[in-house]
Amino acid sequence: MKVKVISRSTDDFTRERSQDLQKVFRNYDPNIRSQERAVEYTRALKAAKLEKIFARPFIGAMDGHIDAVSCMAKNPNHLNGIFSGSVDGDIRLWSLTSRKTVCHFPGHQGNVRGLSVSTDGETLVSCGTDSTVRLWTVPDYRNKSAGESAGNAVAPIAVYVWKHAFWDVDHQWGQNIFATVGAQVDIWDHDRSEPVNTFKWGNDTFISVRFNPGEPDLFATTSSDRSIILYDLRMSSPARKLIMKTRCNSLSWNPMEPMNFTAANEDTNCYSYDARKLDEPKCVHADHVSAVMDIDYSPTGREFVTGSYDRTVRIFNYNGDHSKEIYHTKRMQRVFCVKYTCDGSYVISGSDDTNLRLWKAKASEQLGILLPRERRKQEYLDAVKDRYKHLPEVRRIVRHRHLPKPIYKAANLRRTMIGAERKKDQRRRAHSAPGSMPVQPFRKRRIIREEE
């Protein structure tokens, strides 16, 4: 006769330290846990509600400029610093931890239109409407407190005077070369007082320039003639040109997919393109109600942030049609520049009210160090929300965003206008000869033509 005995080892249930949690073994057999799906749905609903309750994205403002903040630049080698330039010619280096000015870079006599930092983080390049390009040595501010160095002023190591005003500047990745735009596109070397190369296509003013992070010889510009132009430093002339119905104020390359870039347009939308196929955008990102002024990608390449004339900052997924976050305050005015920090945890915006503002990239994220238990619990709740996000109640809570009344009204008016335009087009097509008005895809409606 056999006798079956349940035997358990005390080592499997004994805690090593008194502070440890009791070990609990669970049986996840679906036949035993018949209510698991209902329990998980309730957890997803509670997690979505708690995420809204604890969504406090605004961290603080950095004030010190006496005019509108027109441009910003981040240092690739230091997470703590951010450079800002204002309309009155003032350039400042800020510490994000203390939210104080570390040092000043005086010298420009007009609007500072562009800032860029070299890849090694040692040289700052600035340009402005006073027709000068200035090179600065970035001071080592890591071991200094903000109070000690707030009054420090740095002198430029080089000043290059040119024939026309500048609108933007960007530094090449890994080399001592940078590009400026204005009446033309100029390629500069750190050690040369004149451009080493010049590109021009048409007679209009160039607005912004960005080098490709994956292919350093490739860069793109936007122009006031509503065009996006691609260049290659190994060629003597521009490569390709895309003309849209409205102009693009800025663009940004995806750091993880360097063949793709997104342009911020005056028609309130952002357009993501593949540089190899410019005849149609890959995605149209809509939600702003006024012109989009600046755009910047997260280091992960999965999302980007935009700043608009409608006084809001929005965060989009790289392949999302609509924004997943909207940030606004009562005092924030028109947003001229936005940046992600180099670790992707924070967003910085510069606006017309002379302030820089620091935001969390994830609105409900808890600041500080998380215990392993807390991190695992948050990962579990995120997974549960993602599993049940298609259900109506969870989807409604997750998608809801509070909007200021002017933006809410402007969005409703814009939807009404788009609907009326669509209905008018349908009626015109219904009363025309068959085939005389071909249907144009939505993504191609804002493109006029592509030139090579």
Protein backbone atom coordinates (compact mmCIF):
# COMPACT_ATOMS: atom_id res chain seq x y z
CA MET A 1 0.00 0.00 0.00
CA LYS A 2 1.35 3.40 -1.06
CA VAL A 3 0.68 6.48 0.98
CA LYS A 4 1.04 9.87 -0.79
CA VAL A 5 2.25 12.57 1.55
CA ILE A 6 2.36 16.29 0.78
CA SER A 7 5.83 17.43 1.68
CA ARG A 8 7.03 21.01 1.69
CA SER A 9 10.45 22.31 2.39
CA THR A 10 10.58 25.19 4.83
CA ASP A 11 13.41 26.74 2.78
CA ASP A 12 10.95 27.54 -0.01
CA PHE A 13 8.82 29.70 2.28
CA THR A 14 11.32 31.18 4.71
CA ARG A 15 12.45 34.76 4.19
CA GLU A 16 16.18 35.45 4.18
CA ARG A 17 15.69 38.76 6.01
CA SER A 18 12.83 40.04 8.10
CA GLN A 19 12.37 42.98 5.71
CA ASP A 20 11.73 40.69 2.72
CA LEU A 21 8.26 39.90 1.45
CA GLN A 22 6.65 36.59 2.20
CA LYS A 23 7.02 34.16 -0.70
CA VAL A 24 3.67 33.37 -2.28
CA PHE A 25 3.14 30.73 -4.96
CA ARG A 26 0.25 31.23 -7.33
CA ASN A 27 -1.42 28.79 -9.67
CA TYR A 28 -2.18 30.54 -12.97
CA ASP A 29 -4.26 27.73 -14.42
CA PRO A 30 -7.17 29.44 -16.29
CA ASN A 31 -9.53 26.64 -15.25
CA ILE A 32 -8.99 27.50 -11.60
CA ARG A 33 -8.93 31.30 -12.04
CA SER A 34 -12.14 31.78 -13.99
CA GLN A 35 -12.51 35.46 -13.07
CA GLU A 36 -8.98 36.48 -14.09
CA ARG A 37 -10.08 38.43 -17.17
CA ALA A 38 -12.64 40.46 -15.21
CA VAL A 39 -10.10 41.17 -12.48
CA GLU A 40 -7.51 42.34 -15.01
CA TYR A 41 -10.06 44.58 -16.72
CA THR A 42 -10.86 46.23 -13.37
CA ARG A 43 -7.14 46.73 -12.74
CA ALA A 44 -6.68 48.29 -16.20
CA LEU A 45 -9.59 50.66 -15.55
CA LYS A 46 -8.20 51.71 -12.16
CA ALA A 47 -4.69 52.11 -13.61
CA ALA A 48 -6.01 54.38 -16.39
CA LYS A 49 -7.87 56.52 -13.83
CA LEU A 50 -4.88 56.74 -11.49
CA GLU A 51 -2.65 57.74 -14.40
CA LYS A 52 -4.92 60.75 -15.00
CA ILE A 53 -5.00 61.64 -11.32
CA PHE A 54 -1.20 61.65 -10.99
CA ALA A 55 -0.49 63.31 -14.36
CA ARG A 56 1.58 66.36 -13.35
CA PRO A 57 3.91 66.98 -16.30
CA PHE A 58 5.04 70.51 -15.44
CA ILE A 59 8.21 70.59 -13.33
CA GLY A 60 9.28 74.24 -13.35
CA ALA A 61 10.13 77.37 -15.33
CA MET A 62 13.55 78.89 -15.95
CA ASP A 63 13.32 82.67 -16.16
CA GLY A 64 16.13 85.12 -16.83
CA HIS A 65 15.79 86.21 -20.45
CA ILE A 66 14.29 89.64 -21.03
CA ASP A 67 12.89 88.82 -24.49
CA ALA A 68 11.36 85.86 -26.31
CA VAL A 69 13.34 82.60 -26.44
CA SER A 70 13.99 81.95 -30.13
CA CYS A 71 16.23 78.84 -30.18
CA MET A 72 17.74 76.12 -28.02
CA ALA A 73 20.51 73.53 -28.22
CA LYS A 74 21.44 70.54 -26.06
CA ASN A 75 24.92 69.33 -25.24
CA PRO A 76 25.45 65.73 -26.45
CA ASN A 77 28.01 65.08 -23.71
CA HIS A 78 26.19 66.49 -20.67
CA LEU A 79 22.62 65.67 -19.66
CA ASN A 80 22.45 68.55 -17.22
CA GLY A 81 22.91 71.51 -19.59
CA ILE A 82 20.74 73.31 -22.13
CA PHE A 83 21.64 76.39 -24.20
CA SER A 84 19.07 79.04 -25.08
CA GLY A 85 19.16 82.13 -27.29
CA SER A 86 16.74 85.03 -27.21
CA VAL A 87 15.56 87.80 -29.51
CA ASP A 88 17.63 90.43 -27.64
CA GLY A 89 20.91 88.63 -28.47
CA ASP A 90 21.43 86.95 -25.08
CA ILE A 91 22.72 83.34 -24.97
CA ARG A 92 22.59 81.40 -21.70
CA LEU A 93 23.67 78.01 -20.42
CA TRP A 94 21.21 76.52 -17.91
CA SER A 95 21.52 73.77 -15.35
CA LEU A 96 18.44 71.57 -15.47
CA THR A 97 18.88 70.24 -11.94
CA SER A 98 18.94 73.68 -10.30
CA ARG A 99 17.00 75.46 -13.10
CA LYS A 100 19.47 78.36 -12.85
CA THR A 101 21.74 80.17 -15.32
CA VAL A 102 25.28 78.77 -15.29
CA CYS A 103 26.92 81.34 -17.60
CA HIS A 104 26.24 83.95 -20.29
CA PHE A 105 27.57 84.24 -23.85
CA PRO A 106 27.26 87.97 -24.73
CA GLY A 107 28.10 89.44 -28.12
CA HIS A 108 25.23 89.21 -30.59
CA GLN A 109 23.62 92.55 -31.47
CA GLY A 110 20.32 91.15 -32.74
CA ASN A 111 18.07 88.14 -32.70
CA VAL A 112 19.89 84.84 -32.05
CA ARG A 113 18.36 82.55 -34.65
CA GLY A 114 20.39 79.37 -34.29
CA LEU A 115 22.46 77.43 -31.74
CA SER A 116 24.29 74.14 -32.16
CA VAL A 117 26.88 72.19 -30.15
CA SER A 118 29.66 70.07 -31.63
CA THR A 119 29.55 66.31 -31.14
CA ASP A 120 32.36 66.37 -28.55
CA GLY A 121 30.43 68.97 -26.54
CA GLU A 122 33.31 71.45 -26.43
CA THR A 123 32.25 74.08 -29.01
CA LEU A 124 29.05 76.09 -29.24
CA VAL A 125 28.13 77.70 -32.59
CA SER A 126 25.66 80.60 -32.70
CA CYS A 127 24.31 82.76 -35.51
CA GLY A 128 21.83 85.61 -35.76
CA THR A 129 20.35 88.47 -37.69
CA ASP A 130 23.47 90.60 -37.07
CA SER A 131 25.15 88.61 -39.91
CA THR A 132 27.74 87.02 -37.62
CA VAL A 133 28.67 83.47 -36.73
CA ARG A 134 30.32 83.08 -33.34
CA LEU A 135 32.19 80.10 -31.90
CA TRP A 136 32.36 79.65 -28.11
CA THR A 137 34.18 77.28 -25.80
CA VAL A 138 31.70 75.45 -23.60
CA PRO A 139 32.86 75.81 -19.95
CA ASP A 140 33.04 72.83 -17.61
CA TYR A 141 30.11 73.54 -15.32
CA ARG A 142 29.65 70.10 -13.77
CA ASN A 143 31.60 70.85 -10.58
CA LYS A 144 30.33 74.39 -10.10
CA SER A 145 27.17 75.49 -8.38
CA ALA A 146 24.77 77.79 -10.21
CA GLY A 147 25.34 80.56 -7.67
CA GLU A 148 29.11 80.57 -8.20
CA SER A 149 28.99 80.86 -11.99
CA ALA A 150 25.74 82.75 -12.64
CA GLY A 151 27.59 85.95 -13.40
CA ASN A 152 30.30 84.39 -15.56
CA ALA A 153 30.53 85.63 -19.14
CA VAL A 154 32.35 83.72 -21.87
CA ALA A 155 34.14 85.49 -24.73
CA PRO A 156 33.89 84.02 -28.25
CA ILE A 157 36.93 82.23 -29.64
CA ALA A 158 36.04 83.30 -33.21
CA VAL A 159 33.66 85.78 -34.87
CA TYR A 160 32.91 85.43 -38.59
CA VAL A 161 31.08 88.32 -40.30
CA TRP A 162 29.21 87.48 -43.51
CA LYS A 163 27.07 89.20 -46.17
CA HIS A 164 23.58 88.32 -44.98
CA ALA A 165 21.55 87.50 -41.88
CA PHE A 166 21.43 83.92 -40.66
CA TRP A 167 18.29 81.96 -39.79
CA ASP A 168 19.63 78.68 -38.42
CA VAL A 169 22.77 76.62 -37.83
CA ASP A 170 23.46 72.93 -37.30
CA HIS A 171 26.66 71.02 -36.60
CA GLN A 172 27.77 67.93 -38.49
CA TRP A 173 28.03 64.72 -36.49
CA GLY A 174 31.65 63.77 -35.73
CA GLN A 175 33.36 66.51 -37.78
CA ASN A 176 34.44 70.14 -37.38
CA ILE A 177 31.93 71.29 -40.01
CA PHE A 178 28.67 73.17 -39.54
CA ALA A 179 26.05 74.62 -41.88
CA THR A 180 24.24 77.96 -41.74
CA VAL A 181 21.20 79.06 -43.70
CA GLY A 182 19.90 82.46 -44.72
CA ALA A 183 19.93 83.82 -48.25
CA GLN A 184 21.90 80.69 -49.12
CA VAL A 185 23.28 77.52 -47.53
CA ASP A 186 26.88 77.93 -46.34
CA ILE A 187 29.17 75.15 -45.14
CA TRP A 188 31.80 76.31 -42.60
CA ASP A 189 34.90 74.84 -41.01
CA HIS A 190 35.93 75.75 -37.45
CA ASP A 191 39.32 76.98 -38.66
CA ARG A 192 38.16 78.97 -41.72
CA SER A 193 36.74 82.51 -41.60
CA GLU A 194 34.80 82.02 -44.85
CA PRO A 195 32.49 79.24 -46.04
CA VAL A 196 34.19 76.25 -47.63
CA ASN A 197 31.14 75.52 -49.79
CA THR A 198 27.86 77.15 -50.78
CA PHE A 199 24.56 75.71 -52.05
CA LYS A 200 21.66 77.60 -53.56
CA TRP A 201 18.41 76.59 -55.28
CA GLY A 202 16.17 79.55 -56.09
CA ASN A 203 16.14 83.02 -54.56
CA ASP A 204 14.14 82.46 -51.39
CA THR A 205 15.32 82.50 -47.79
CA PHE A 206 16.23 79.24 -46.10
CA ILE A 207 14.64 78.79 -42.67
CA SER A 208 16.15 75.72 -40.98
CA VAL A 209 18.87 73.11 -41.48
CA ARG A 210 19.46 69.67 -39.93
CA PHE A 211 22.28 67.15 -40.49
CA ASN A 212 21.46 63.47 -40.72
CA PRO A 213 22.71 61.60 -37.61
CA GLY A 214 23.32 58.35 -39.50
CA GLU A 215 24.85 59.68 -42.75
CA PRO A 216 26.90 62.78 -41.72
CA ASP A 217 27.31 64.07 -45.29
CA LEU A 218 23.54 64.29 -45.80
CA PHE A 219 21.47 67.23 -44.55
CA ALA A 220 18.12 68.87 -45.27
CA THR A 221 16.81 72.44 -45.25
CA THR A 222 13.41 74.11 -45.34
CA SER A 223 12.81 77.27 -47.32
CA SER A 224 10.32 80.14 -47.48
CA ASP A 225 9.32 79.01 -51.00
CA ARG A 226 7.52 76.07 -49.26
CA SER A 227 10.20 73.57 -50.18
CA ILE A 228 12.22 70.87 -48.43
CA ILE A 229 15.64 70.36 -50.02
CA LEU A 230 18.06 67.46 -49.51
CA TYR A 231 21.83 67.98 -49.91
CA ASP A 232 24.92 65.81 -50.00
CA LEU A 233 28.30 67.35 -49.12
CA ARG A 234 29.96 65.01 -51.62
CA MET A 235 28.00 66.63 -54.46
CA SER A 236 28.41 70.12 -55.88
CA SER A 237 24.67 70.88 -56.08
CA PRO A 238 21.50 70.05 -54.09
CA ALA A 239 20.13 66.57 -54.62
CA ARG A 240 16.30 66.75 -54.43
CA LYS A 241 13.60 69.30 -53.76
CA LEU A 242 10.03 68.81 -52.55
CA ILE A 243 7.54 71.69 -52.87
CA MET A 244 4.46 71.73 -50.62
CA LYS A 245 1.45 74.05 -50.48
CA THR A 246 2.59 75.69 -47.22
CA ARG A 247 6.06 76.20 -45.82
CA CYS A 248 7.81 74.09 -43.21
CA ASN A 249 9.26 75.91 -40.20
CA SER A 250 11.55 73.13 -38.99
CA LEU A 251 12.42 69.47 -39.44
CA SER A 252 14.06 66.71 -37.43
CA TRP A 253 15.65 63.38 -38.41
CA ASN A 254 14.68 60.19 -36.63
CA PRO A 255 17.89 59.11 -34.79
CA MET A 256 16.95 55.40 -34.90
CA GLU A 257 15.75 55.41 -38.53
CA PRO A 258 18.02 57.98 -40.19
CA MET A 259 16.33 57.67 -43.55
CA ASN A 260 13.13 59.22 -42.09
CA PHE A 261 12.48 62.80 -41.07
CA THR A 262 9.46 64.80 -39.88
CA ALA A 263 8.72 68.38 -40.94
CA ALA A 264 6.71 70.91 -38.90
CA ASN A 265 4.39 72.78 -41.25
CA GLU A 266 2.47 76.04 -41.24
CA ASP A 267 -0.81 74.22 -41.96
CA THR A 268 -0.90 72.92 -38.33
CA ASN A 269 0.27 69.42 -39.32
CA CYS A 270 3.56 67.51 -39.21
CA TYR A 271 4.59 65.30 -42.12
CA SER A 272 6.89 62.26 -41.82
CA TYR A 273 8.83 61.43 -45.00
CA ASP A 274 11.18 58.75 -46.18
CA ALA A 275 14.13 60.55 -47.79
CA ARG A 276 14.22 57.88 -50.50
CA LYS A 277 10.58 58.43 -51.49
CA LEU A 278 9.41 62.03 -51.21
CA ASP A 279 6.32 61.82 -53.41
CA GLU A 280 4.12 60.84 -50.45
CA PRO A 281 4.49 61.30 -46.66
CA LYS A 282 4.55 58.15 -44.56
CA CYS A 283 2.30 59.72 -41.94
CA VAL A 284 0.42 62.98 -41.30
CA HIS A 285 0.39 64.04 -37.64
CA ALA A 286 -2.55 66.33 -36.91
CA ASP A 287 -3.88 67.99 -33.75
CA HIS A 288 -2.41 71.49 -33.51
CA VAL A 289 -4.73 74.37 -34.35
CA SER A 290 -2.03 76.82 -35.45
CA ALA A 291 1.35 76.76 -37.17
CA VAL A 292 3.88 74.25 -35.82
CA MET A 293 7.10 76.16 -35.08
CA ASP A 294 9.60 73.52 -33.97
CA ILE A 295 10.04 69.76 -33.67
CA ASP A 296 12.54 67.41 -32.02
CA TYR A 297 12.82 63.63 -31.85
CA SER A 298 13.35 61.59 -28.71
CA PRO A 299 16.71 59.74 -28.54
CA THR A 300 14.74 56.48 -28.79
CA GLY A 301 13.18 57.55 -32.10
CA ARG A 302 9.75 56.33 -30.95
CA GLU A 303 8.22 59.77 -30.36
CA PHE A 304 8.77 63.44 -31.06
CA VAL A 305 7.73 66.72 -29.46
CA THR A 306 6.31 69.77 -31.23
CA GLY A 307 5.80 73.38 -30.20
CA SER A 308 3.16 75.52 -31.84
CA TYR A 309 1.90 79.05 -32.26
CA ASP A 310 -1.28 77.90 -30.46
CA ARG A 311 0.66 77.98 -27.13
CA THR A 312 0.80 74.23 -26.60
CA VAL A 313 3.44 71.51 -26.59
CA ARG A 314 2.40 68.10 -27.94
CA ILE A 315 4.05 64.69 -27.97
CA PHE A 316 3.38 62.30 -30.86
CA ASN A 317 4.27 58.69 -31.50
CA TYR A 318 6.52 58.46 -34.54
CA ASN A 319 3.76 56.62 -36.44
CA GLY A 320 0.73 58.16 -34.71
CA ASP A 321 -1.84 60.33 -36.46
CA HIS A 322 -2.78 62.20 -33.28
CA SER A 323 -0.89 63.42 -30.25
CA LYS A 324 -0.71 61.29 -27.13
CA GLU A 325 0.07 64.22 -24.77
CA ILE A 326 -0.67 67.95 -24.72
CA TYR A 327 1.09 70.33 -22.32
CA HIS A 328 -0.06 73.89 -21.64
CA THR A 329 -0.09 76.49 -18.87
CA LYS A 330 -2.01 79.72 -18.43
CA ARG A 331 1.11 81.86 -18.69
CA MET A 332 2.83 80.11 -21.58
CA GLN A 333 2.60 82.04 -24.84
CA ARG A 334 3.58 81.07 -28.39
CA VAL A 335 6.13 78.25 -28.34
CA PHE A 336 9.09 78.89 -30.65
CA CYS A 337 11.43 75.99 -29.77
CA VAL A 338 11.28 72.56 -28.12
CA LYS A 339 13.89 69.94 -27.24
CA TYR A 340 14.09 66.49 -25.72
CA THR A 341 16.84 65.95 -23.17
CA CYS A 342 19.55 63.51 -24.23
CA ASP A 343 18.14 60.75 -22.02
CA GLY A 344 14.57 61.23 -23.29
CA SER A 345 13.13 61.75 -19.78
CA TYR A 346 12.25 65.43 -20.06
CA VAL A 347 11.03 67.99 -22.58
CA ILE A 348 12.11 71.64 -22.63
CA SER A 349 10.12 74.39 -24.33
CA GLY A 350 11.02 78.02 -25.02
CA SER A 351 8.25 80.52 -25.62
CA ASP A 352 7.40 84.14 -26.32
CA ASP A 353 6.99 84.94 -22.60
CA THR A 354 10.81 84.82 -22.07
CA ASN A 355 10.70 81.54 -20.10
CA LEU A 356 12.02 78.05 -20.61
CA ARG A 357 9.81 75.34 -19.15
CA LEU A 358 10.77 71.85 -18.05
CA TRP A 359 8.23 69.03 -18.54
CA LYS A 360 8.19 65.30 -17.92
CA ALA A 361 8.18 63.26 -21.11
CA LYS A 362 5.68 60.90 -19.42
CA ALA A 363 3.10 63.01 -17.63
CA SER A 364 2.33 60.55 -14.79
CA GLU A 365 5.86 59.22 -14.31
CA GLN A 366 7.09 59.23 -10.72
CA LEU A 367 10.29 61.20 -10.22
CA GLY A 368 13.12 59.82 -8.15
CA ILE A 369 14.43 56.31 -7.58
CA LEU A 370 11.89 53.49 -7.81
CA LEU A 371 12.16 50.31 -5.80
CA PRO A 372 12.21 47.09 -7.83
CA ARG A 373 8.71 46.27 -6.53
CA GLU A 374 7.38 49.64 -7.66
CA ARG A 375 8.97 49.30 -11.08
CA ARG A 376 7.54 45.80 -11.60
CA LYS A 377 4.09 46.93 -10.51
CA GLN A 378 4.17 49.88 -12.93
CA GLU A 379 5.28 47.62 -15.78
CA TYR A 380 2.44 45.23 -14.98
CA LEU A 381 -0.16 48.02 -14.93
CA ASP A 382 1.15 49.39 -18.24
CA ALA A 383 0.88 45.91 -19.78
CA VAL A 384 -2.68 45.49 -18.49
CA LYS A 385 -3.69 48.89 -19.88
CA ASP A 386 -2.17 48.02 -23.23
CA ARG A 387 -4.05 44.71 -23.25
CA TYR A 388 -7.46 46.29 -22.63
CA LYS A 389 -6.95 49.62 -24.39
CA HIS A 390 -9.44 48.66 -27.14
CA LEU A 391 -12.38 48.48 -24.73
CA PRO A 392 -14.59 51.61 -24.76
CA GLU A 393 -14.27 52.69 -21.13
CA VAL A 394 -10.50 52.26 -20.95
CA ARG A 395 -10.01 53.89 -24.36
CA ARG A 396 -12.12 56.90 -23.37
CA ILE A 397 -10.14 57.52 -20.17
CA VAL A 398 -6.73 57.01 -21.79
CA ARG A 399 -7.49 59.27 -24.76
CA HIS A 400 -9.08 62.12 -22.80
CA ARG A 401 -7.07 65.35 -22.57
CA HIS A 402 -8.16 68.61 -21.02
CA LEU A 403 -7.84 71.49 -23.49
CA PRO A 404 -7.91 75.24 -22.85
CA LYS A 405 -11.15 76.77 -24.03
CA PRO A 406 -9.62 78.79 -26.96
CA ILE A 407 -7.88 75.68 -28.32
CA TYR A 408 -10.99 73.55 -27.83
CA LYS A 409 -13.10 76.06 -29.79
CA ALA A 410 -10.45 76.43 -32.50
CA ALA A 411 -10.26 72.64 -32.89
CA ASN A 412 -14.05 72.41 -33.26
CA LEU A 413 -14.01 75.21 -35.84
CA ARG A 414 -11.21 73.51 -37.75
CA ARG A 415 -13.11 70.21 -37.83
CA THR A 416 -16.18 72.05 -39.13
CA MET A 417 -14.13 73.71 -41.88
CA ILE A 418 -12.51 70.43 -42.93
CA GLY A 419 -15.90 68.70 -42.99
CA ALA A 420 -17.43 71.49 -45.10
CA GLU A 421 -14.51 71.34 -47.54
CA ARG A 422 -14.87 67.55 -47.83
CA LYS A 423 -18.62 67.83 -48.45
CA LYS A 424 -18.10 70.53 -51.06
CA ASP A 425 -15.56 68.35 -52.85
CA GLN A 426 -17.98 65.41 -52.84
CA ARG A 427 -20.77 67.52 -54.33
CA ARG A 428 -18.48 68.95 -56.99
CA ARG A 429 -17.38 65.44 -57.94
CA ALA A 430 -20.99 64.18 -57.99
CA HIS A 431 -22.02 66.89 -60.49
CA SER A 432 -18.97 66.51 -62.77
CA ALA A 433 -18.38 64.17 -65.66
CA PRO A 434 -17.20 60.72 -64.54
CA GLY A 435 -13.43 60.59 -64.38
CA SER A 436 -12.93 64.36 -64.80
CA MET A 437 -12.02 64.81 -61.11
CA PRO A 438 -9.78 61.95 -60.00
CA VAL A 439 -9.67 61.24 -56.27
CA GLN A 440 -6.38 62.39 -54.78
CA PRO A 441 -5.04 60.47 -51.74
CA PHE A 442 -5.15 62.43 -48.49
CA ARG A 443 -1.38 62.21 -47.94
CA LYS A 444 -0.60 63.68 -51.37
CA ARG A 445 -2.95 66.67 -51.22
CA ARG A 446 -0.40 69.02 -49.63
CA ILE A 447 2.37 68.19 -52.12
CA ILE A 448 2.75 70.18 -55.33
CA ARG A 449 5.71 68.47 -57.00
CA GLU A 450 9.15 66.96 -56.55
CA GLU A 451 12.22 68.21 -58.41
CA GLU A 452 15.66 66.69 -58.91
